[in-house]
Amino acid sequence: MCVSQDRCTEKGTPQLCDRGIEYYRAALTKGAAVGQAPECLLSMGLLRTLPGAGQRLAPVPPDLAVTGLARPLELAVLAHQEQLAELRTAFTAAEQAYRDVMRQAQLPIRLLAGEEINPALEKAVAACTEELRTAQPGGGRGADQLADALPRDLALAERGVRQRTLYQHTVRSHGPTLAYIEQVTARGAQVRTLNEVFDRVIICDSSTAFIPAGAKREAAAVLIQYPPLVEYLLKIYELMWERAEPVTYPEGHHRPRLLTDRTRRNVLRLMVNGFTDEAIASRLGMSTRTVSSHIQKASELLGSRSRGHLGYIIAREGVLDEAPDEL
């Protein structure tokens, strides 16, 4: 008796029993008689009668046998695939109509792509009546960006809209950004710098926020008008603002304090934590050359012979645990 039923899969796929395998092996050399073959060999098509062979069964090669069983399944799969394709095609027009309407609808969270970003941003800023908060990571801003931002921000100041902006410490040595900061702060805006900023964010009043939707900020953005999310972003912004250093122009000076020692300590802190120069530059908004320059200067001051030795000296002497000094 064939025991292949005990080895069948849950979906009913036929399986060879041990006796069936041995019988098939013998049939390949000696042939097989009708009535003696295990049922699994017959159901799988591995043994079949031949015209004029009488009571004898002929073994069939496995590749031919499986083709006979698989063909109906393949035809069924093909039919289902064609049905799926027809189903998707039937919904194409409805899907396009849905996207068009959703794109134009005033949803509390919307994905903006490419050319949609600036008009939406300009509209939100123009409607701002109380306060505009922005965080601009990545170091100094380009001249074109500053030229576009300056008239808009001066106009906001004229309307009595408060403005607060967060940059990274590295803008303190970036001439074009400092020139912009000097003009907007003269009109009442507040600017602070931080060693790290989590990402770009623009918050108009307490109702509308913009954040990037990917690595390329110009490619996509998310417009958020969902109160709980805007409130969450405001809390994060306020935490960063409290940690940041004000950008002020001391009397008789044309530039704010550079915070060189603090910036260098931040570079070293990231270095000893295993960050590469590229990663440090990205986090602190500076070039990799500036990162290397800070590390080289620290090496000279501490008398190290290599980066590994510098890390050892920093750990041994507790340099980063002490109050800021000439580093």
Protein backbone atom coordinates (compact mmCIF):
# COMPACT_ATOMS: atom_id res chain seq x y z
CA MET A 1 0.00 0.00 0.00
CA CYS A 2 1.29 3.44 -0.91
CA VAL A 3 1.79 5.77 2.08
CA SER A 4 2.39 8.88 0.00
CA GLN A 5 -0.73 10.48 1.48
CA ASP A 6 1.15 10.91 4.75
CA ARG A 7 3.74 13.04 2.95
CA CYS A 8 1.43 15.25 0.88
CA THR A 9 1.66 19.00 1.37
CA GLU A 10 -1.22 20.96 2.88
CA LYS A 11 -2.24 22.12 -0.61
CA GLY A 12 -2.47 18.56 -1.89
CA THR A 13 0.70 18.51 -3.98
CA PRO A 14 1.58 14.82 -4.59
CA GLN A 15 4.68 13.47 -2.87
CA LEU A 16 6.64 10.26 -3.37
CA CYS A 17 6.63 7.77 -0.53
CA ASP A 18 9.78 5.76 0.29
CA ARG A 19 8.38 2.63 -1.33
CA GLY A 20 7.45 4.63 -4.43
CA ILE A 21 11.02 5.90 -4.84
CA GLU A 22 12.47 2.39 -4.56
CA TYR A 23 9.84 0.95 -6.93
CA TYR A 24 10.55 3.70 -9.50
CA ARG A 25 14.29 3.02 -9.26
CA ALA A 26 13.68 -0.67 -9.98
CA ALA A 27 11.18 0.05 -12.78
CA LEU A 28 13.81 2.08 -14.64
CA THR A 29 15.79 -1.13 -15.22
CA LYS A 30 13.25 -3.94 -15.02
CA GLY A 31 9.93 -2.32 -15.88
CA ALA A 32 6.75 -2.61 -13.81
CA ALA A 33 3.57 -4.64 -13.82
CA VAL A 34 0.03 -3.24 -13.70
CA GLY A 35 -1.53 -3.68 -10.28
CA GLN A 36 1.77 -3.71 -8.37
CA ALA A 37 2.91 -0.06 -8.68
CA PRO A 38 2.42 2.32 -5.72
CA GLU A 39 -0.39 4.82 -6.23
CA CYS A 40 1.91 7.83 -5.87
CA LEU A 41 3.87 6.85 -9.01
CA LEU A 42 0.66 6.58 -11.02
CA SER A 43 -0.84 9.83 -9.74
CA MET A 44 2.38 11.70 -10.47
CA GLY A 45 2.61 10.23 -13.99
CA LEU A 46 5.98 8.56 -13.36
CA LEU A 47 4.55 5.21 -14.58
CA ARG A 48 2.07 4.84 -17.41
CA THR A 49 0.75 2.18 -19.77
CA LEU A 50 1.92 2.10 -23.36
CA PRO A 51 -0.17 0.91 -26.32
CA GLY A 52 0.55 -2.76 -27.03
CA ALA A 53 2.51 -3.25 -23.80
CA GLY A 54 -0.12 -5.49 -22.20
CA GLN A 55 0.15 -5.60 -18.42
CA ARG A 56 3.43 -3.74 -18.30
CA LEU A 57 4.02 -0.12 -17.20
CA ALA A 58 6.75 2.10 -18.58
CA PRO A 59 8.68 4.57 -16.40
CA VAL A 60 8.43 8.19 -17.52
CA PRO A 61 11.31 10.73 -17.10
CA PRO A 62 10.56 13.15 -14.21
CA ASP A 63 10.83 16.27 -16.41
CA LEU A 64 8.13 14.93 -18.73
CA ALA A 65 5.94 13.79 -15.86
CA VAL A 66 6.06 17.15 -14.07
CA THR A 67 5.24 18.95 -17.32
CA GLY A 68 2.01 17.02 -17.59
CA LEU A 69 0.97 18.00 -14.06
CA ALA A 70 2.23 21.58 -14.24
CA ARG A 71 0.62 22.56 -17.54
CA PRO A 72 -2.93 22.99 -16.16
CA LEU A 73 -1.56 25.05 -13.27
CA GLU A 74 0.45 27.27 -15.62
CA LEU A 75 -2.61 27.87 -17.77
CA ALA A 76 -4.63 28.79 -14.67
CA VAL A 77 -1.91 31.20 -13.50
CA LEU A 78 -1.77 32.82 -16.93
CA ALA A 79 -5.54 33.27 -16.93
CA HIS A 80 -5.40 34.91 -13.48
CA GLN A 81 -2.60 37.23 -14.61
CA GLU A 82 -4.63 38.36 -17.57
CA GLN A 83 -7.60 38.93 -15.29
CA LEU A 84 -5.46 40.99 -12.89
CA ALA A 85 -4.15 43.12 -15.76
CA GLU A 86 -7.69 43.76 -16.98
CA LEU A 87 -8.77 44.66 -13.43
CA ARG A 88 -5.97 47.21 -12.99
CA THR A 89 -6.70 48.72 -16.40
CA ALA A 90 -10.36 49.10 -15.49
CA PHE A 91 -9.41 51.23 -12.44
CA THR A 92 -6.82 53.43 -14.19
CA ALA A 93 -9.18 56.27 -15.05
CA ALA A 94 -10.68 56.29 -11.55
CA GLU A 95 -7.22 56.33 -9.98
CA GLN A 96 -6.15 59.33 -12.07
CA ALA A 97 -9.32 61.21 -11.16
CA TYR A 98 -8.73 60.46 -7.47
CA ARG A 99 -5.14 61.75 -7.63
CA ASP A 100 -6.18 64.93 -9.39
CA VAL A 101 -8.81 65.73 -6.79
CA MET A 102 -6.57 64.85 -3.83
CA ARG A 103 -3.76 66.99 -5.23
CA GLN A 104 -6.04 70.01 -5.31
CA ALA A 105 -7.86 69.33 -2.06
CA GLN A 106 -6.88 71.17 1.12
CA LEU A 107 -5.72 68.13 3.04
CA PRO A 108 -4.07 68.54 6.47
CA ILE A 109 -0.96 66.70 5.21
CA ARG A 110 0.08 67.02 1.57
CA LEU A 111 3.09 65.89 -0.41
CA LEU A 112 4.44 68.67 -2.62
CA ALA A 113 6.75 67.90 -5.51
CA GLY A 114 9.11 70.14 -7.44
CA GLU A 115 7.37 73.25 -8.73
CA GLU A 116 4.51 72.90 -6.23
CA ILE A 117 6.77 73.73 -3.27
CA ASN A 118 7.62 77.42 -3.71
CA PRO A 119 4.07 78.63 -4.51
CA ALA A 120 2.69 76.80 -1.46
CA LEU A 121 5.49 78.18 0.72
CA GLU A 122 5.02 81.75 -0.54
CA LYS A 123 1.27 81.51 0.08
CA ALA A 124 1.74 80.27 3.65
CA VAL A 125 4.38 82.91 4.48
CA ALA A 126 2.22 85.68 3.00
CA ALA A 127 -0.65 84.56 5.25
CA CYS A 128 1.60 84.55 8.35
CA THR A 129 0.38 87.15 10.89
CA GLU A 130 2.15 86.31 14.17
CA GLU A 131 5.50 84.51 13.87
CA LEU A 132 7.67 82.77 11.30
CA ARG A 133 10.06 80.14 12.66
CA THR A 134 12.67 78.52 10.42
CA ALA A 135 15.59 76.13 10.84
CA GLN A 136 18.18 76.22 8.05
CA PRO A 137 20.84 73.52 8.48
CA GLY A 138 23.73 72.87 6.12
CA GLY A 139 25.93 75.92 6.68
CA GLY A 140 25.76 79.16 4.74
CA ARG A 141 22.94 79.65 2.25
CA GLY A 142 23.46 80.34 -1.42
CA ALA A 143 23.44 83.88 -2.76
CA ASP A 144 20.32 83.21 -4.86
CA GLN A 145 18.44 81.82 -1.86
CA LEU A 146 19.39 84.81 0.27
CA ALA A 147 18.43 87.26 -2.47
CA ASP A 148 14.96 85.65 -2.66
CA ALA A 149 14.54 85.49 1.12
CA LEU A 150 15.64 89.02 2.06
CA PRO A 151 12.75 91.05 0.50
CA ARG A 152 10.21 88.56 1.82
CA ASP A 153 11.59 88.65 5.36
CA LEU A 154 11.93 92.43 5.41
CA ALA A 155 8.32 92.71 4.25
CA LEU A 156 7.25 90.41 7.10
CA ALA A 157 9.07 92.64 9.58
CA GLU A 158 7.26 95.67 8.19
CA ARG A 159 3.96 93.89 8.86
CA GLY A 160 4.98 93.23 12.45
CA VAL A 161 5.48 89.46 12.04
CA ARG A 162 8.07 88.13 14.48
CA GLN A 163 10.85 86.03 12.94
CA ARG A 164 13.18 83.49 14.48
CA THR A 165 15.78 81.55 12.50
CA LEU A 166 18.16 78.76 13.49
CA TYR A 167 21.41 78.11 11.66
CA GLN A 168 24.44 76.00 12.41
CA HIS A 169 27.53 77.57 14.00
CA THR A 170 29.40 77.53 10.70
CA VAL A 171 27.37 80.43 9.25
CA ARG A 172 29.30 82.72 11.60
CA SER A 173 32.13 82.65 9.06
CA HIS A 174 29.96 82.78 5.92
CA GLY A 175 29.95 86.33 4.56
CA PRO A 176 26.74 86.33 2.44
CA THR A 177 24.65 84.74 5.22
CA LEU A 178 26.08 87.14 7.81
CA ALA A 179 25.18 90.10 5.59
CA TYR A 180 21.61 88.80 5.38
CA ILE A 181 21.48 88.19 9.15
CA GLU A 182 22.72 91.73 9.86
CA GLN A 183 19.90 93.24 7.78
CA VAL A 184 17.04 91.14 9.18
CA THR A 185 18.18 91.45 12.81
CA ALA A 186 18.29 95.22 12.37
CA ARG A 187 14.54 94.96 11.64
CA GLY A 188 13.83 92.91 14.77
CA ALA A 189 14.38 89.31 13.65
CA GLN A 190 16.20 86.94 16.01
CA VAL A 191 18.89 84.56 14.76
CA ARG A 192 20.67 81.86 16.73
CA THR A 193 23.15 79.14 15.84
CA LEU A 194 23.46 75.57 17.02
CA ASN A 195 26.15 72.93 16.64
CA GLU A 196 23.61 70.61 14.97
CA VAL A 197 20.12 71.12 13.51
CA PHE A 198 17.81 68.12 13.00
CA ASP A 199 16.59 69.22 9.55
CA ARG A 200 15.04 72.08 7.70
CA VAL A 201 11.65 73.20 8.97
CA ILE A 202 9.47 76.27 8.32
CA ILE A 203 6.57 77.00 10.67
CA CYS A 204 4.09 79.77 9.90
CA ASP A 205 2.28 80.99 13.02
CA SER A 206 1.21 77.81 14.82
CA SER A 207 -0.85 76.38 12.00
CA THR A 208 1.29 75.45 9.00
CA ALA A 209 4.66 73.69 8.71
CA PHE A 210 6.92 72.54 5.90
CA ILE A 211 9.51 69.77 6.19
CA PRO A 212 11.62 67.99 3.53
CA ALA A 213 10.25 64.77 2.06
CA GLY A 214 13.61 63.33 1.08
CA ALA A 215 17.34 63.89 0.83
CA LYS A 216 16.89 66.50 -1.94
CA ARG A 217 14.95 69.31 -0.30
CA GLU A 218 14.09 70.93 -3.63
CA ALA A 219 12.55 67.74 -4.99
CA ALA A 220 9.76 67.14 -2.46
CA ALA A 221 8.32 68.58 0.73
CA VAL A 222 5.48 67.85 3.12
CA LEU A 223 2.98 70.59 3.95
CA ILE A 224 1.49 69.97 7.39
CA GLN A 225 -1.65 71.65 8.70
CA TYR A 226 -2.61 68.92 11.13
CA PRO A 227 -2.58 70.62 14.58
CA PRO A 228 -1.03 67.77 16.64
CA LEU A 229 1.90 67.44 14.21
CA VAL A 230 2.47 71.19 13.98
CA GLU A 231 2.44 71.38 17.78
CA TYR A 232 5.00 68.56 17.94
CA LEU A 233 7.32 70.39 15.54
CA LEU A 234 6.93 73.58 17.57
CA LYS A 235 8.04 71.79 20.74
CA ILE A 236 11.15 70.44 18.99
CA TYR A 237 11.91 73.89 17.60
CA GLU A 238 11.63 75.52 21.03
CA LEU A 239 13.98 72.95 22.53
CA MET A 240 16.57 73.70 19.86
CA TRP A 241 16.07 77.44 20.28
CA GLU A 242 16.81 77.25 24.01
CA ARG A 243 20.10 75.41 23.32
CA ALA A 244 21.20 77.79 20.56
CA GLU A 245 23.61 80.76 20.80
CA PRO A 246 22.30 84.22 19.75
CA VAL A 247 24.02 85.87 16.81
CA THR A 248 24.88 89.37 18.02
CA TYR A 249 27.18 92.02 16.63
CA PRO A 250 29.36 93.53 19.40
CA GLU A 251 29.81 97.28 19.21
CA GLY A 252 32.62 98.16 16.83
CA HIS A 253 32.67 94.69 15.22
CA HIS A 254 31.31 93.72 11.81
CA ARG A 255 30.97 90.05 12.61
CA PRO A 256 29.56 88.03 15.53
CA ARG A 257 31.77 85.86 17.73
CA LEU A 258 32.96 82.84 15.70
CA LEU A 259 32.69 80.14 18.43
CA THR A 260 35.77 78.47 16.92
CA ASP A 261 36.70 76.54 20.06
CA ARG A 262 33.17 75.20 20.51
CA THR A 263 32.94 74.16 16.87
CA ARG A 264 36.29 72.38 17.12
CA ARG A 265 35.14 70.51 20.20
CA ASN A 266 32.02 69.37 18.34
CA VAL A 267 34.20 68.12 15.48
CA LEU A 268 36.40 66.17 17.91
CA ARG A 269 33.41 64.76 19.78
CA LEU A 270 32.01 63.32 16.55
CA MET A 271 35.46 62.10 15.47
CA VAL A 272 36.04 60.08 18.64
CA ASN A 273 32.54 58.60 18.24
CA GLY A 274 33.59 57.09 14.91
CA PHE A 275 32.12 59.54 12.39
CA THR A 276 33.96 60.05 9.11
CA ASP A 277 35.00 63.51 7.93
CA GLU A 278 32.14 63.46 5.41
CA ALA A 279 29.57 62.57 8.09
CA ILE A 280 30.92 65.25 10.46
CA ALA A 281 30.77 67.85 7.69
CA SER A 282 27.18 66.93 6.90
CA ARG A 283 26.05 67.10 10.54
CA LEU A 284 27.81 70.38 11.33
CA GLY A 285 27.17 72.15 8.03
CA MET A 286 30.79 72.60 6.94
CA SER A 287 33.16 71.31 4.27
CA THR A 288 35.31 68.23 4.76
CA ARG A 289 38.36 70.47 4.38
CA THR A 290 37.22 72.53 7.37
CA VAL A 291 36.71 69.33 9.38
CA SER A 292 40.26 68.20 8.54
CA SER A 293 41.58 71.65 9.46
CA HIS A 294 39.96 71.53 12.92
CA ILE A 295 41.35 68.04 13.56
CA GLN A 296 44.82 69.06 12.36
CA LYS A 297 44.82 72.14 14.62
CA ALA A 298 43.77 70.03 17.63
CA SER A 299 46.51 67.51 16.83
CA GLU A 300 49.11 70.27 16.84
CA LEU A 301 47.86 71.71 20.13
CA LEU A 302 47.70 68.32 21.88
CA GLY A 303 50.90 66.94 20.33
CA SER A 304 49.38 63.85 18.71
CA ARG A 305 51.10 61.88 15.93
CA SER A 306 47.96 60.46 14.28
CA ARG A 307 44.19 60.47 14.55
CA GLY A 308 44.28 57.31 16.63
CA HIS A 309 46.81 58.93 18.97
CA LEU A 310 44.66 62.09 19.08
CA GLY A 311 41.63 60.05 20.16
CA TYR A 312 43.76 58.37 22.85
CA ILE A 313 44.96 61.74 24.20
CA ILE A 314 41.43 63.15 24.21
CA ALA A 315 40.17 60.15 26.21
CA ARG A 316 43.19 60.06 28.57
CA GLU A 317 43.16 63.76 29.34
CA GLY A 318 39.37 64.14 29.39
CA VAL A 319 39.66 67.03 26.96
CA LEU A 320 36.01 66.98 25.96
CA ASP A 321 34.88 66.77 29.57
CA GLU A 322 36.53 70.03 30.56
CA ALA A 323 35.23 73.56 30.13
CA PRO A 324 35.97 75.07 26.68
CA ASP A 325 39.48 76.47 26.37
CA GLU A 326 41.91 77.22 23.59
CA LEU A 327 41.53 74.02 21.59
